[in-house]
C-alpha atoms as a PDB file:
ATOM      1  CA  UNK A   1     -29.981  33.722 135.824  1.00  0.00           C
ATOM      2  CA  UNK A   2     -27.303  33.198 138.861  1.00  0.00           C
ATOM      3  CA  UNK A   3     -29.862  30.968 140.865  1.00  0.00           C
ATOM      4  CA  UNK A   4     -32.939  31.108 141.378  1.00  0.00           C
ATOM      5  CA  UNK A   5     -34.926  33.392 142.595  1.00  0.00           C
ATOM      6  CA  UNK A   6     -36.125  33.839 146.552  1.00  0.00           C
ATOM      7  CA  UNK A   7     -39.657  34.168 146.789  1.00  0.00           C
ATOM      8  CA  UNK A   8     -41.844  33.992 149.997  1.00  0.00           C
ATOM      9  CA  UNK A   9     -45.753  33.230 149.745  1.00  0.00           C
ATOM     10  CA  UNK A  10     -47.946  35.505 152.021  1.00  0.00           C
ATOM     11  CA  UNK A  11     -51.152  34.189 153.040  1.00  0.00           C
ATOM     12  CA  UNK A  12     -52.294  30.228 152.228  1.00  0.00           C
ATOM     13  CA  UNK A  13     -54.935  31.975 148.806  1.00  0.00           C
ATOM     14  CA  UNK A  14     -56.126  29.343 146.740  1.00  0.00           C
ATOM     15  CA  UNK A  15     -55.024  31.724 143.430  1.00  0.00           C
ATOM     16  CA  UNK A  16     -51.135  30.551 144.973  1.00  0.00           C
ATOM     17  CA  UNK A  17     -50.974  27.128 143.101  1.00  0.00           C
ATOM     18  CA  UNK A  18     -52.141  28.320 140.052  1.00  0.00           C
ATOM     19  CA  UNK A  19     -50.116  31.824 140.412  1.00  0.00           C
ATOM     20  CA  UNK A  20     -46.924  30.842 141.872  1.00  0.00           C
ATOM     21  CA  UNK A  21     -46.013  27.082 143.402  1.00  0.00           C
ATOM     22  CA  UNK A  22     -47.143  25.631 139.334  1.00  0.00           C
ATOM     23  CA  UNK A  23     -45.357  28.480 138.404  1.00  0.00           C
ATOM     24  CA  UNK A  24     -41.724  28.032 140.823  1.00  0.00           C
ATOM     25  CA  UNK A  25     -42.453  24.310 140.139  1.00  0.00           C
ATOM     26  CA  UNK A  26     -42.270  25.085 136.161  1.00  0.00           C
ATOM     27  CA  UNK A  27     -38.886  27.670 136.047  1.00  0.00           C
ATOM     28  CA  UNK A  28     -36.944  26.669 139.206  1.00  0.00           C
ATOM     29  CA  UNK A  29     -37.594  29.465 141.658  1.00  0.00           C
ATOM     30  CA  UNK A  30     -37.688  28.852 145.861  1.00  0.00           C
ATOM     31  CA  UNK A  31     -40.749  28.867 147.778  1.00  0.00           C
ATOM     32  CA  UNK A  32     -38.786  29.443 150.886  1.00  0.00           C
ATOM     33  CA  UNK A  33     -41.170  30.728 153.918  1.00  0.00           C
ATOM     34  CA  UNK A  34     -44.780  30.708 153.795  1.00  0.00           C
ATOM     35  CA  UNK A  35     -47.514  32.261 157.020  1.00  0.00           C
ATOM     36  CA  UNK A  36     -50.932  32.107 156.624  1.00  0.00           C
ATOM     37  CA  UNK A  37     -53.498  33.148 159.873  1.00  0.00           C
ATOM     38  CA  UNK A  38     -54.122  29.568 160.723  1.00  0.00           C
ATOM     39  CA  UNK A  39     -50.050  28.616 161.099  1.00  0.00           C
ATOM     40  CA  UNK A  40     -51.613  24.928 160.876  1.00  0.00           C
ATOM     41  CA  UNK A  41     -52.505  25.952 156.935  1.00  0.00           C
ATOM     42  CA  UNK A  42     -49.784  27.611 156.637  1.00  0.00           C
ATOM     43  CA  UNK A  43     -47.659  24.322 156.916  1.00  0.00           C
ATOM     44  CA  UNK A  44     -50.083  22.016 155.429  1.00  0.00           C
ATOM     45  CA  UNK A  45     -49.687  24.254 152.398  1.00  0.00           C
ATOM     46  CA  UNK A  46     -46.225  24.051 152.541  1.00  0.00           C
ATOM     47  CA  UNK A  47     -45.637  20.399 153.027  1.00  0.00           C
ATOM     48  CA  UNK A  48     -48.271  19.775 150.034  1.00  0.00           C
ATOM     49  CA  UNK A  49     -46.370  22.355 148.039  1.00  0.00           C
ATOM     50  CA  UNK A  50     -42.933  22.050 149.234  1.00  0.00           C
ATOM     51  CA  UNK A  51     -42.602  25.507 150.398  1.00  0.00           C
ATOM     52  CA  UNK A  52     -39.082  24.933 151.554  1.00  0.00           C
ATOM     53  CA  UNK A  53     -40.760  26.860 155.685  1.00  0.00           C
ATOM     54  CA  UNK A  54     -44.322  28.399 157.644  1.00  0.00           C
ATOM     55  CA  UNK A  55     -43.281  30.934 159.653  1.00  0.00           C
ATOM     56  CA  UNK A  56     -45.495  32.541 162.276  1.00  0.00           C
ATOM     57  CA  UNK A  57     -46.718  36.141 160.946  1.00  0.00           C
ATOM     58  CA  UNK A  58     -47.002  37.508 157.330  1.00  0.00           C
ATOM     59  CA  UNK A  59     -44.100  40.226 159.119  1.00  0.00           C
ATOM     60  CA  UNK A  60     -41.886  37.053 159.973  1.00  0.00           C
ATOM     61  CA  UNK A  61     -41.845  36.446 156.196  1.00  0.00           C
ATOM     62  CA  UNK A  62     -40.977  39.675 155.374  1.00  0.00           C
ATOM     63  CA  UNK A  63     -38.900  39.948 157.489  1.00  0.00           C
ATOM     64  CA  UNK A  64     -36.502  36.519 156.514  1.00  0.00           C
ATOM     65  CA  UNK A  65     -33.778  37.325 155.478  1.00  0.00           C
ATOM     66  CA  UNK A  66     -33.942  34.370 152.676  1.00  0.00           C
ATOM     67  CA  UNK A  67     -37.144  35.903 151.360  1.00  0.00           C
ATOM     68  CA  UNK A  68     -35.811  38.230 148.097  1.00  0.00           C
ATOM     69  CA  UNK A  69     -38.977  38.202 147.221  1.00  0.00           C
ATOM     70  CA  UNK A  70     -42.571  38.220 148.747  1.00  0.00           C
ATOM     71  CA  UNK A  71     -45.814  37.172 147.108  1.00  0.00           C
ATOM     72  CA  UNK A  72     -48.894  38.399 147.952  1.00  0.00           C
ATOM     73  CA  UNK A  73     -52.659  36.837 147.177  1.00  0.00           C
ATOM     74  CA  UNK A  74     -54.008  38.074 150.522  1.00  0.00           C
ATOM     75  CA  UNK A  75     -57.429  39.834 150.199  1.00  0.00           C
ATOM     76  CA  UNK A  76     -57.761  43.428 148.160  1.00  0.00           C
ATOM     77  CA  UNK A  77     -57.358  45.695 151.522  1.00  0.00           C
ATOM     78  CA  UNK A  78     -54.331  43.231 152.574  1.00  0.00           C
ATOM     79  CA  UNK A  79     -52.352  43.832 149.196  1.00  0.00           C
ATOM     80  CA  UNK A  80     -51.759  48.047 150.228  1.00  0.00           C
ATOM     81  CA  UNK A  81     -50.727  47.100 153.673  1.00  0.00           C
ATOM     82  CA  UNK A  82     -48.114  43.864 153.804  1.00  0.00           C
ATOM     83  CA  UNK A  83     -46.839  45.775 149.766  1.00  0.00           C
ATOM     84  CA  UNK A  84     -45.903  48.353 151.778  1.00  0.00           C
ATOM     85  CA  UNK A  85     -44.194  46.433 154.485  1.00  0.00           C
ATOM     86  CA  UNK A  86     -42.289  44.655 152.130  1.00  0.00           C
ATOM     87  CA  UNK A  87     -40.483  47.101 150.185  1.00  0.00           C
ATOM     88  CA  UNK A  88     -40.260  48.948 153.459  1.00  0.00           C
ATOM     89  CA  UNK A  89     -38.050  45.592 153.849  1.00  0.00           C
ATOM     90  CA  UNK A  90     -36.205  45.916 150.826  1.00  0.00           C
ATOM     91  CA  UNK A  91     -37.796  42.535 149.057  1.00  0.00           C
ATOM     92  CA  UNK A  92     -39.135  42.891 145.110  1.00  0.00           C
ATOM     93  CA  UNK A  93     -43.085  42.071 145.108  1.00  0.00           C
ATOM     94  CA  UNK A  94     -45.475  40.116 143.046  1.00  0.00           C
ATOM     95  CA  UNK A  95     -48.955  41.469 144.001  1.00  0.00           C
ATOM     96  CA  UNK A  96     -52.404  40.441 143.310  1.00  0.00           C
ATOM     97  CA  UNK A  97     -54.452  42.882 141.727  1.00  0.00           C
ATOM     98  CA  UNK A  98     -55.050  45.561 141.832  1.00  0.00           C
ATOM     99  CA  UNK A  99     -52.674  45.982 144.562  1.00  0.00           C
ATOM    100  CA  UNK A 100     -54.128  48.559 146.704  1.00  0.00           C
ATOM    101  CA  UNK A 101     -57.961  49.616 147.900  1.00  0.00           C
ATOM    102  CA  UNK A 102     -58.179  52.492 145.981  1.00  0.00           C
ATOM    103  CA  UNK A 103     -56.325  55.181 143.952  1.00  0.00           C
ATOM    104  CA  UNK A 104     -55.194  57.176 147.640  1.00  0.00           C
ATOM    105  CA  UNK A 105     -53.166  54.342 149.001  1.00  0.00           C
ATOM    106  CA  UNK A 106     -51.744  52.791 144.722  1.00  0.00           C
ATOM    107  CA  UNK A 107     -49.958  55.947 144.809  1.00  0.00           C
ATOM    108  CA  UNK A 108     -48.518  55.511 148.079  1.00  0.00           C
ATOM    109  CA  UNK A 109     -47.259  52.011 147.398  1.00  0.00           C
ATOM    110  CA  UNK A 110     -46.003  53.340 144.531  1.00  0.00           C
ATOM    111  CA  UNK A 111     -44.002  55.689 145.648  1.00  0.00           C
ATOM    112  CA  UNK A 112     -42.534  53.974 148.279  1.00  0.00           C
ATOM    113  CA  UNK A 113     -41.615  51.232 145.869  1.00  0.00           C
ATOM    114  CA  UNK A 114     -40.108  54.319 143.717  1.00  0.00           C
ATOM    115  CA  UNK A 115     -38.037  55.629 146.774  1.00  0.00           C
ATOM    116  CA  UNK A 116     -36.633  52.087 147.839  1.00  0.00           C
ATOM    117  CA  UNK A 117     -35.804  50.657 144.592  1.00  0.00           C
ATOM    118  CA  UNK A 118     -37.313  47.673 145.200  1.00  0.00           C
ATOM    119  CA  UNK A 119     -39.289  45.988 141.807  1.00  0.00           C
ATOM    120  CA  UNK A 120     -42.868  45.908 142.810  1.00  0.00           C
ATOM    121  CA  UNK A 121     -45.291  44.257 139.817  1.00  0.00           C
ATOM    122  CA  UNK A 122     -48.838  44.733 139.455  1.00  0.00           C
ATOM    123  CA  UNK A 123     -49.815  40.387 138.468  1.00  0.00           C
ATOM    124  CA  UNK A 124     -51.524  41.206 135.436  1.00  0.00           C
ATOM    125  CA  UNK A 125     -49.884  37.848 133.927  1.00  0.00           C
ATOM    126  CA  UNK A 126     -51.493  37.749 131.246  1.00  0.00           C
ATOM    127  CA  UNK A 127     -50.083  40.040 129.222  1.00  0.00           C
ATOM    128  CA  UNK A 128     -46.923  37.999 129.365  1.00  0.00           C
ATOM    129  CA  UNK A 129     -48.839  35.150 127.609  1.00  0.00           C
ATOM    130  CA  UNK A 130     -48.219  35.281 123.611  1.00  0.00           C
ATOM    131  CA  UNK A 131     -51.832  35.341 122.643  1.00  0.00           C
ATOM    132  CA  UNK A 132     -52.257  38.061 124.149  1.00  0.00           C
ATOM    133  CA  UNK A 133     -49.347  39.672 122.723  1.00  0.00           C
ATOM    134  CA  UNK A 134     -50.113  38.769 119.421  1.00  0.00           C
ATOM    135  CA  UNK A 135     -53.644  40.347 119.876  1.00  0.00           C
ATOM    136  CA  UNK A 136     -51.560  43.815 120.571  1.00  0.00           C
ATOM    137  CA  UNK A 137     -48.749  43.041 117.379  1.00  0.00           C
ATOM    138  CA  UNK A 138     -52.487  42.792 115.568  1.00  0.00           C
ATOM    139  CA  UNK A 139     -53.354  46.521 116.271  1.00  0.00           C
ATOM    140  CA  UNK A 140     -49.209  47.368 115.853  1.00  0.00           C
ATOM    141  CA  UNK A 141     -48.831  45.881 112.858  1.00  0.00           C
ATOM    142  CA  UNK A 142     -52.025  47.947 110.951  1.00  0.00           C
ATOM    143  CA  UNK A 143     -53.768  44.214 110.670  1.00  0.00           C
ATOM    144  CA  UNK A 144     -57.183  45.990 112.314  1.00  0.00           C
ATOM    145  CA  UNK A 145     -56.835  48.833 110.394  1.00  0.00           C
ATOM    146  CA  UNK A 146     -57.344  51.778 113.040  1.00  0.00           C
ATOM    147  CA  UNK A 147     -58.896  51.213 116.422  1.00  0.00           C
ATOM    148  CA  UNK A 148     -62.996  51.899 116.413  1.00  0.00           C
ATOM    149  CA  UNK A 149     -64.035  49.628 119.464  1.00  0.00           C
ATOM    150  CA  UNK A 150     -62.932  47.243 122.486  1.00  0.00           C
ATOM    151  CA  UNK A 151     -65.333  44.840 124.742  1.00  0.00           C
ATOM    152  CA  UNK A 152     -63.972  43.102 127.518  1.00  0.00           C
ATOM    153  CA  UNK A 153     -66.894  40.640 129.884  1.00  0.00           C
ATOM    154  CA  UNK A 154     -65.352  38.671 132.813  1.00  0.00           C
ATOM    155  CA  UNK A 155     -67.824  36.705 133.673  1.00  0.00           C
ATOM    156  CA  UNK A 156     -67.817  33.287 136.747  1.00  0.00           C
ATOM    157  CA  UNK A 157     -70.544  31.912 138.744  1.00  0.00           C
ATOM    158  CA  UNK A 158     -71.039  32.844 141.939  1.00  0.00           C
ATOM    159  CA  UNK A 159     -67.814  31.893 144.795  1.00  0.00           C
ATOM    160  CA  UNK A 160     -70.669  31.288 147.570  1.00  0.00           C
ATOM    161  CA  UNK A 161     -71.627  33.452 150.459  1.00  0.00           C
ATOM    162  CA  UNK A 162     -68.694  33.457 152.419  1.00  0.00           C
ATOM    163  CA  UNK A 163     -66.580  34.211 150.388  1.00  0.00           C
ATOM    164  CA  UNK A 164     -64.254  36.834 151.417  1.00  0.00           C
ATOM    165  CA  UNK A 165     -64.331  39.303 148.148  1.00  0.00           C
ATOM    166  CA  UNK A 166     -67.893  39.180 148.468  1.00  0.00           C
ATOM    167  CA  UNK A 167     -66.563  41.858 152.242  1.00  0.00           C
ATOM    168  CA  UNK A 168     -66.733  45.627 151.366  1.00  0.00           C
ATOM    169  CA  UNK A 169     -64.054  45.876 153.969  1.00  0.00           C
ATOM    170  CA  UNK A 170     -62.009  43.334 152.973  1.00  0.00           C
ATOM    171  CA  UNK A 171     -62.243  46.279 149.478  1.00  0.00           C
ATOM    172  CA  UNK A 172     -64.173  43.259 147.802  1.00  0.00           C
ATOM    173  CA  UNK A 173     -66.586  43.311 144.573  1.00  0.00           C
ATOM    174  CA  UNK A 174     -66.476  42.141 141.158  1.00  0.00           C
ATOM    175  CA  UNK A 175     -64.731  45.022 139.839  1.00  0.00           C
ATOM    176  CA  UNK A 176     -61.952  44.785 142.338  1.00  0.00           C
ATOM    177  CA  UNK A 177     -61.713  41.202 141.259  1.00  0.00           C
ATOM    178  CA  UNK A 178     -61.938  40.694 137.549  1.00  0.00           C
ATOM    179  CA  UNK A 179     -63.589  44.547 136.735  1.00  0.00           C
ATOM    180  CA  UNK A 180     -59.379  44.616 137.401  1.00  0.00           C
ATOM    181  CA  UNK A 181     -58.489  43.009 134.502  1.00  0.00           C
ATOM    182  CA  UNK A 182     -61.727  43.574 132.130  1.00  0.00           C
ATOM    183  CA  UNK A 183     -60.698  47.145 132.514  1.00  0.00           C
ATOM    184  CA  UNK A 184     -56.639  47.234 132.125  1.00  0.00           C
ATOM    185  CA  UNK A 185     -56.928  45.381 128.186  1.00  0.00           C
ATOM    186  CA  UNK A 186     -59.102  48.204 127.625  1.00  0.00           C
ATOM    187  CA  UNK A 187     -56.292  50.426 128.823  1.00  0.00           C
ATOM    188  CA  UNK A 188     -53.305  48.686 127.266  1.00  0.00           C
ATOM    189  CA  UNK A 189     -54.704  49.990 124.037  1.00  0.00           C
ATOM    190  CA  UNK A 190     -54.153  53.211 124.844  1.00  0.00           C
ATOM    191  CA  UNK A 191     -51.625  53.483 122.225  1.00  0.00           C
ATOM    192  CA  UNK A 192     -53.596  53.369 119.795  1.00  0.00           C
ATOM    193  CA  UNK A 193     -56.880  55.286 121.226  1.00  0.00           C
ATOM    194  CA  UNK A 194     -54.749  58.662 121.172  1.00  0.00           C
ATOM    195  CA  UNK A 195     -53.979  58.103 124.932  1.00  0.00           C
ATOM    196  CA  UNK A 196     -56.318  56.489 128.219  1.00  0.00           C
ATOM    197  CA  UNK A 197     -59.783  55.760 128.397  1.00  0.00           C
ATOM    198  CA  UNK A 198     -61.729  57.701 129.838  1.00  0.00           C
ATOM    199  CA  UNK A 199     -65.798  56.428 132.343  1.00  0.00           C
ATOM    200  CA  UNK A 200     -68.542  57.500 130.373  1.00  0.00           C
ATOM    201  CA  UNK A 201     -71.824  56.098 132.366  1.00  0.00           C
ATOM    202  CA  UNK A 202     -71.083  52.834 134.566  1.00  0.00           C
ATOM    203  CA  UNK A 203     -73.651  50.822 135.610  1.00  0.00           C
ATOM    204  CA  UNK A 204     -73.665  48.072 138.414  1.00  0.00           C
ATOM    205  CA  UNK A 205     -75.445  45.426 140.757  1.00  0.00           C
ATOM    206  CA  UNK A 206     -74.861  45.162 144.620  1.00  0.00           C
ATOM    207  CA  UNK A 207     -74.653  41.871 146.573  1.00  0.00           C
ATOM    208  CA  UNK A 208     -77.850  40.730 148.528  1.00  0.00           C
ATOM    209  CA  UNK A 209     -76.877  42.174 151.700  1.00  0.00           C
ATOM    210  CA  UNK A 210     -73.841  43.274 150.656  1.00  0.00           C
ATOM    211  CA  UNK A 211     -74.057  47.209 150.437  1.00  0.00           C
ATOM    212  CA  UNK A 212     -71.990  48.655 148.556  1.00  0.00           C
ATOM    213  CA  UNK A 213     -70.436  45.506 147.584  1.00  0.00           C
ATOM    214  CA  UNK A 214     -70.715  44.417 143.656  1.00  0.00           C
ATOM    215  CA  UNK A 215     -72.223  41.760 141.941  1.00  0.00           C
ATOM    216  CA  UNK A 216     -71.461  43.131 138.500  1.00  0.00           C
ATOM    217  CA  UNK A 217     -70.635  46.183 136.681  1.00  0.00           C
ATOM    218  CA  UNK A 218     -70.498  47.833 133.486  1.00  0.00           C
ATOM    219  CA  UNK A 219     -68.696  50.391 132.059  1.00  0.00           C
ATOM    220  CA  UNK A 220     -68.802  52.255 128.800  1.00  0.00           C
ATOM    221  CA  UNK A 221     -65.446  54.340 127.894  1.00  0.00           C
ATOM    222  CA  UNK A 222     -63.737  56.287 124.933  1.00  0.00           C
ATOM    223  CA  UNK A 223     -60.060  57.213 124.029  1.00  0.00           C
ATOM    224  CA  UNK A 224     -59.564  60.808 123.155  1.00  0.00           C
ATOM    225  CA  UNK A 225     -59.566  59.679 119.513  1.00  0.00           C
ATOM    226  CA  UNK A 226     -62.501  58.233 119.955  1.00  0.00           C
ATOM    227  CA  UNK A 227     -62.591  54.601 119.684  1.00  0.00           C
ATOM    228  CA  UNK A 228     -65.388  52.993 122.140  1.00  0.00           C
ATOM    229  CA  UNK A 229     -65.451  50.660 124.964  1.00  0.00           C
ATOM    230  CA  UNK A 230     -66.980  48.737 126.880  1.00  0.00           C
ATOM    231  CA  UNK A 231     -65.956  46.883 130.482  1.00  0.00           C
ATOM    232  CA  UNK A 232     -68.011  44.624 132.021  1.00  0.00           C
ATOM    233  CA  UNK A 233     -67.728  41.856 134.799  1.00  0.00           C
ATOM    234  CA  UNK A 234     -70.138  39.264 136.586  1.00  0.00           C
ATOM    235  CA  UNK A 235     -68.745  37.572 139.626  1.00  0.00           C
ATOM    236  CA  UNK A 236     -72.384  35.969 140.134  1.00  0.00           C
ATOM    237  CA  UNK A 237     -73.267  35.062 136.433  1.00  0.00           C
ATOM    238  CA  UNK A 238     -74.665  31.441 134.824  1.00  0.00           C
ATOM    239  CA  UNK A 239     -71.650  31.475 132.973  1.00  0.00           C
ATOM    240  CA  UNK A 240     -67.529  31.907 133.105  1.00  0.00           C
ATOM    241  CA  UNK A 241     -66.492  34.034 130.803  1.00  0.00           C
ATOM    242  CA  UNK A 242     -63.384  35.599 129.705  1.00  0.00           C
ATOM    243  CA  UNK A 243     -63.126  37.664 126.328  1.00  0.00           C
ATOM    244  CA  UNK A 244     -61.483  40.196 124.838  1.00  0.00           C
ATOM    245  CA  UNK A 245     -62.470  41.958 121.215  1.00  0.00           C
ATOM    246  CA  UNK A 246     -60.414  44.526 119.242  1.00  0.00           C
ATOM    247  CA  UNK A 247     -62.339  45.839 116.330  1.00  0.00           C
ATOM    248  CA  UNK A 248     -60.411  48.019 114.161  1.00  0.00           C
ATOM    249  CA  UNK A 249     -61.648  50.126 111.059  1.00  0.00           C
ATOM    250  CA  UNK A 250     -59.863  46.890 108.551  1.00  0.00           C
ATOM    251  CA  UNK A 251     -60.684  44.066 110.836  1.00  0.00           C
ATOM    252  CA  UNK A 252     -61.912  42.212 114.195  1.00  0.00           C
ATOM    253  CA  UNK A 253     -59.707  39.707 116.752  1.00  0.00           C
ATOM    254  CA  UNK A 254     -60.999  37.896 119.556  1.00  0.00           C
ATOM    255  CA  UNK A 255     -59.592  36.167 122.166  1.00  0.00           C
ATOM    256  CA  UNK A 256     -61.604  33.665 123.453  1.00  0.00           C
ATOM    257  CA  UNK A 257     -60.307  33.410 127.309  1.00  0.00           C
ATOM    258  CA  UNK A 258     -57.758  36.297 128.113  1.00  0.00           C
ATOM    259  CA  UNK A 259     -57.524  35.389 131.982  1.00  0.00           C
ATOM    260  CA  UNK A 260     -57.119  31.621 131.470  1.00  0.00           C
ATOM    261  CA  UNK A 261     -54.835  31.189 127.975  1.00  0.00           C
ATOM    262  CA  UNK A 262     -54.190  27.552 129.956  1.00  0.00           C
ATOM    263  CA  UNK A 263     -57.700  26.340 129.456  1.00  0.00           C
ATOM    264  CA  UNK A 264     -58.392  28.096 125.248  1.00  0.00           C
ATOM    265  CA  UNK A 265     -55.538  29.932 123.470  1.00  0.00           C
ATOM    266  CA  UNK A 266     -57.284  30.653 120.870  1.00  0.00           C
ATOM    267  CA  UNK A 267     -57.290  33.963 118.654  1.00  0.00           C
ATOM    268  CA  UNK A 268     -60.051  34.796 116.434  1.00  0.00           C
ATOM    269  CA  UNK A 269     -59.411  37.230 113.329  1.00  0.00           C
ATOM    270  CA  UNK A 270     -61.964  38.543 111.320  1.00  0.00           C
ATOM    271  CA  UNK A 271     -60.763  40.170 107.830  1.00  0.00           C
ATOM    272  CA  UNK A 272     -62.135  40.451 104.590  1.00  0.00           C
ATOM    273  CA  UNK A 273     -60.153  38.172 103.807  1.00  0.00           C
ATOM    274  CA  UNK A 274     -61.594  35.506 105.838  1.00  0.00           C
ATOM    275  CA  UNK A 275     -61.644  33.786 109.526  1.00  0.00           C
ATOM    276  CA  UNK A 276     -59.364  32.174 110.620  1.00  0.00           C
ATOM    277  CA  UNK A 277     -58.134  30.788 114.353  1.00  0.00           C
ATOM    278  CA  UNK A 278     -54.699  30.433 115.938  1.00  0.00           C
ATOM    279  CA  UNK A 279     -53.642  29.135 118.581  1.00  0.00           C
ATOM    280  CA  UNK A 280     -51.070  30.160 120.493  1.00  0.00           C
ATOM    281  CA  UNK A 281     -49.960  28.046 123.472  1.00  0.00           C
ATOM    282  CA  UNK A 282     -51.706  26.449 127.237  1.00  0.00           C
ATOM    283  CA  UNK A 283     -48.419  27.160 129.003  1.00  0.00           C
ATOM    284  CA  UNK A 284     -49.772  29.110 131.654  1.00  0.00           C
ATOM    285  CA  UNK A 285     -49.595  33.010 131.750  1.00  0.00           C
ATOM    286  CA  UNK A 286     -48.854  32.947 135.291  1.00  0.00           C
ATOM    287  CA  UNK A 287     -44.868  31.053 134.201  1.00  0.00           C
ATOM    288  CA  UNK A 288     -44.649  33.480 131.703  1.00  0.00           C
ATOM    289  CA  UNK A 289     -45.074  36.001 134.676  1.00  0.00           C
ATOM    290  CA  UNK A 290     -42.630  34.637 137.072  1.00  0.00           C
ATOM    291  CA  UNK A 291     -40.318  34.087 134.401  1.00  0.00           C
ATOM    292  CA  UNK A 292     -40.627  37.557 133.622  1.00  0.00           C
ATOM    293  CA  UNK A 293     -40.273  39.022 137.369  1.00  0.00           C
ATOM    294  CA  UNK A 294     -37.229  36.618 137.875  1.00  0.00           C
ATOM    295  CA  UNK A 295     -35.352  38.054 134.672  1.00  0.00           C
ATOM    296  CA  UNK A 296     -36.198  41.825 135.905  1.00  0.00           C
ATOM    297  CA  UNK A 297     -34.773  40.951 139.500  1.00  0.00           C
ATOM    298  CA  UNK A 298     -31.638  39.196 138.384  1.00  0.00           C
ATOM    299  CA  UNK A 299     -31.263  41.001 135.205  1.00  0.00           C
ATOM    300  CA  UNK A 300     -33.174  44.371 135.411  1.00  0.00           C
ATOM    301  CA  UNK A 301     -34.812  43.158 132.309  1.00  0.00           C
ATOM    302  CA  UNK A 302     -37.827  45.591 131.525  1.00  0.00           C
ATOM    303  CA  UNK A 303     -41.761  44.511 131.686  1.00  0.00           C
ATOM    304  CA  UNK A 304     -44.805  45.724 130.428  1.00  0.00           C
ATOM    305  CA  UNK A 305     -45.655  47.885 133.017  1.00  0.00           C
ATOM    306  CA  UNK A 306     -44.434  49.450 136.476  1.00  0.00           C
ATOM    307  CA  UNK A 307     -46.340  51.192 139.489  1.00  0.00           C
ATOM    308  CA  UNK A 308     -47.817  54.422 137.649  1.00  0.00           C
ATOM    309  CA  UNK A 309     -50.107  52.065 135.769  1.00  0.00           C
ATOM    310  CA  UNK A 310     -50.740  50.524 138.332  1.00  0.00           C
ATOM    311  CA  UNK A 311     -51.636  53.753 139.827  1.00  0.00           C
ATOM    312  CA  UNK A 312     -53.723  54.470 136.597  1.00  0.00           C
ATOM    313  CA  UNK A 313     -55.722  50.981 136.890  1.00  0.00           C
ATOM    314  CA  UNK A 314     -56.956  52.046 139.904  1.00  0.00           C
ATOM    315  CA  UNK A 315     -57.827  55.504 139.343  1.00  0.00           C
ATOM    316  CA  UNK A 316     -60.080  54.054 136.629  1.00  0.00           C
ATOM    317  CA  UNK A 317     -60.881  51.564 138.986  1.00  0.00           C
ATOM    318  CA  UNK A 318     -62.250  54.081 141.477  1.00  0.00           C
ATOM    319  CA  UNK A 319     -64.113  56.384 138.235  1.00  0.00           C
ATOM    320  CA  UNK A 320     -66.506  53.465 137.141  1.00  0.00           C
ATOM    321  CA  UNK A 321     -67.254  52.901 140.815  1.00  0.00           C
ATOM    322  CA  UNK A 322     -68.524  56.860 141.386  1.00  0.00           C
ATOM    323  CA  UNK A 323     -70.219  56.377 138.082  1.00  0.00           C
ATOM    324  CA  UNK A 324     -71.947  53.786 138.689  1.00  0.00           C
ATOM    325  CA  UNK A 325     -72.993  55.479 142.685  1.00  0.00           C
ATOM    326  CA  UNK A 326     -70.857  53.283 144.177  1.00  0.00           C
ATOM    327  CA  UNK A 327     -67.627  54.385 146.308  1.00  0.00           C
ATOM    328  CA  UNK A 328     -64.135  53.550 145.932  1.00  0.00           C
ATOM    329  CA  UNK A 329     -63.134  50.744 148.259  1.00  0.00           C
ATOM    330  CA  UNK A 330     -61.961  52.085 151.714  1.00  0.00           C
ATOM    331  CA  UNK A 331     -58.615  51.478 153.153  1.00  0.00           C
ATOM    332  CA  UNK A 332     -58.421  48.600 156.026  1.00  0.00           C
ATOM    333  CA  UNK A 333     -57.362  50.285 159.186  1.00  0.00           C
ATOM    334  CA  UNK A 334     -53.716  49.865 160.704  1.00  0.00           C
ATOM    335  CA  UNK A 335     -54.987  48.254 163.597  1.00  0.00           C
ATOM    336  CA  UNK A 336     -57.697  45.413 161.288  1.00  0.00           C
ATOM    337  CA  UNK A 337     -54.297  44.553 159.204  1.00  0.00           C
ATOM    338  CA  UNK A 338     -51.927  44.037 162.089  1.00  0.00           C
ATOM    339  CA  UNK A 339     -54.978  41.616 163.721  1.00  0.00           C
ATOM    340  CA  UNK A 340     -54.702  39.791 160.249  1.00  0.00           C
ATOM    341  CA  UNK A 341     -51.101  38.822 160.899  1.00  0.00           C
END
């Protein structure tokens, strides 16, 4: 590429070091600006991680002429608002997922992206790692036979009572934070399931003291072909688990940690000929993602997902909430968004 991509960061979120700082170092991407609710925190983050300047507000980052792409790791309820702001400023966007609070807002972001011509990517980084690409290849090649069943499980220990992911107003909940992955991985297999999966049933447990916020959710899905799926997420579990299991008519395969393959890159394949384990490298999936994003910006290289995919995933999330007896996440009021810089 002719020159490094110039990225502005919205917020000093915990995920930012893993998701953008380390990948930027690995790929030569310039982090040219950052802002946070607390300017001192933004300055400290910039100093620690080599961001070129700390600005006073998110709006300043979005407007900065040296910023050509925005990375948005803000709380879920702020994704749509600031993705729209970045699009309006003509900036490309790499957004943490889901990239809006609900399907209605997601459709607005997608429409704005199409109208503006900028690239807006929902950051399902796992798609770019060789271990997950290999799993899809096993279906595409016919090695596993016809798709029969999919199980995706994401569980993490409780992040603590003060974590913003427990806030309904900030579009929190286990399905928003973790379930977006467990549902997306099911949808990736639509070409071998005859189309997009639909929710058959779902159940959830609310966070004590946080009405409407799911601590865990389990959804049963069905593909048009008749293949079935189970998508699970739990944000206050006694273990950490991120497994992706695909069962075919001729065998099955499991990615042991599809969200964090830099920690465990195993793919376990079981067929009538036996069981064997493949390893596909512990290079971060976030690094692969940033490389792909930069190529798409600079060279118009294709990506495995687009804004329509983000809307479809958000519709499935909303459908799971409704099936489980909860409501889709509310949009953040404009005044509240402005108050959050």
